[in-house]
Amino acid sequence: MHRKAIFLLAGIFLIVALIAPPVILILQADNDLDNYIIAQTPNGLQTSGNITTLTPAELQENHNTNLIIVAIIEVVFVSLFAVTLYYGLNHSHPEH
């Protein structure tokens, strides 16, 4: 594999490491807003759908799970970025 391809792969790993966590946290916040709106709606006004409300303990458990997922994604992709960058810098390619 040539250096350009290695650096391209390292760049992809860095992009995933930078973009995935905010996206996950924004989706979590959107889901929390939906749960808050559902909790504020009186049961008599519910017109359709299968709506369940989450308790505060369940919301906290969801937050903890999402934070663990974000941390794992960060560690994996930053590590992959570092390894591919190191390999790209130290890769000796014989001249053709």
Protein backbone atom coordinates (compact mmCIF):
# COMPACT_ATOMS: atom_id res chain seq x y z
CA MET A 1 0.00 0.00 0.00
CA HIS A 2 1.39 3.39 -0.93
CA ARG A 3 1.76 6.26 1.49
CA LYS A 4 -1.09 8.25 0.00
CA ALA A 5 -3.52 5.39 0.56
CA ILE A 6 -2.28 4.92 4.12
CA PHE A 7 -2.71 8.63 4.87
CA LEU A 8 -6.15 8.55 3.24
CA LEU A 9 -7.13 5.66 5.51
CA ALA A 10 -5.74 7.53 8.54
CA GLY A 11 -7.80 10.56 7.52
CA ILE A 12 -10.95 8.47 7.29
CA PHE A 13 -10.32 7.11 10.79
CA LEU A 14 -9.83 10.65 12.08
CA ILE A 15 -13.02 11.88 10.41
CA VAL A 16 -15.03 9.04 11.95
CA ALA A 17 -13.47 9.75 15.36
CA LEU A 18 -14.44 13.42 15.11
CA ILE A 19 -17.92 13.11 13.59
CA ALA A 20 -19.46 10.00 15.18
CA PRO A 21 -19.53 11.14 18.85
CA PRO A 22 -21.32 14.46 18.26
CA VAL A 23 -23.82 12.75 15.97
CA ILE A 24 -24.54 10.10 18.61
CA LEU A 25 -24.94 12.71 21.34
CA ILE A 26 -27.19 14.91 19.16
CA LEU A 27 -29.42 11.93 18.37
CA GLN A 28 -29.55 11.13 22.09
CA ALA A 29 -30.58 14.71 22.88
CA ASP A 30 -33.27 14.55 20.19
CA ASN A 31 -34.57 11.33 21.69
CA ASP A 32 -34.57 12.92 25.16
CA LEU A 33 -36.60 15.85 23.80
CA ASP A 34 -39.11 13.42 22.32
CA ASN A 35 -39.37 11.62 25.66
CA TYR A 36 -39.85 14.96 27.46
CA ILE A 37 -42.62 15.99 25.06
CA ILE A 38 -44.32 12.61 25.47
CA ALA A 39 -44.10 12.90 29.27
CA GLN A 40 -45.71 16.37 29.16
CA THR A 41 -48.61 15.25 26.97
CA PRO A 42 -51.68 14.25 28.97
CA ASN A 43 -52.74 10.66 28.34
CA GLY A 44 -56.19 11.78 27.24
CA LEU A 45 -54.73 13.64 24.25
CA GLN A 46 -52.81 10.68 22.89
CA THR A 47 -54.38 9.95 19.53
CA SER A 48 -52.23 7.25 17.97
CA GLY A 49 -49.00 5.30 18.26
CA ASN A 50 -47.41 3.10 20.81
CA ILE A 51 -46.04 5.66 23.24
CA THR A 52 -44.13 4.66 26.33
CA THR A 53 -42.51 7.01 28.78
CA LEU A 54 -39.16 6.31 30.35
CA THR A 55 -38.42 6.78 34.03
CA PRO A 56 -35.50 9.03 35.04
CA ALA A 57 -33.49 5.93 35.97
CA GLU A 58 -34.03 4.47 32.49
CA LEU A 59 -33.03 7.77 30.89
CA GLN A 60 -29.84 7.84 32.97
CA GLU A 61 -29.09 4.25 31.96
CA ASN A 62 -29.55 5.21 28.30
CA HIS A 63 -27.20 8.19 28.78
CA ASN A 64 -24.56 6.00 30.41
CA THR A 65 -24.82 3.41 27.65
CA ASN A 66 -24.48 6.07 24.95
CA LEU A 67 -21.48 7.63 26.68
CA ILE A 68 -19.79 4.24 26.90
CA ILE A 69 -20.47 3.65 23.19
CA VAL A 70 -19.04 7.09 22.35
CA ALA A 71 -15.94 6.43 24.46
CA ILE A 72 -15.34 3.06 22.79
CA ILE A 73 -15.75 4.56 19.32
CA GLU A 74 -13.33 7.36 20.21
CA VAL A 75 -10.68 4.99 21.57
CA VAL A 76 -10.93 2.57 18.65
CA PHE A 77 -10.83 5.13 15.86
CA VAL A 78 -8.21 7.39 17.44
CA SER A 79 -6.05 4.28 17.97
CA LEU A 80 -6.58 3.22 14.36
CA PHE A 81 -5.70 6.75 13.24
CA ALA A 82 -2.51 6.74 15.30
CA VAL A 83 -1.43 3.29 14.08
CA THR A 84 -2.05 4.05 10.42
CA LEU A 85 -0.36 7.44 10.71
CA TYR A 86 2.67 5.85 12.40
CA TYR A 87 2.76 3.14 9.73
CA GLY A 88 2.46 5.73 6.98
CA LEU A 89 5.32 7.81 8.35
CA ASN A 90 7.63 4.86 9.01
CA HIS A 91 6.73 2.70 6.02
CA SER A 92 9.74 2.18 3.80
CA HIS A 93 8.68 1.58 0.23
CA PRO A 94 11.41 0.48 -2.14
CA GLU A 95 11.77 2.60 -5.22
CA HIS A 96 10.67 0.95 -8.44
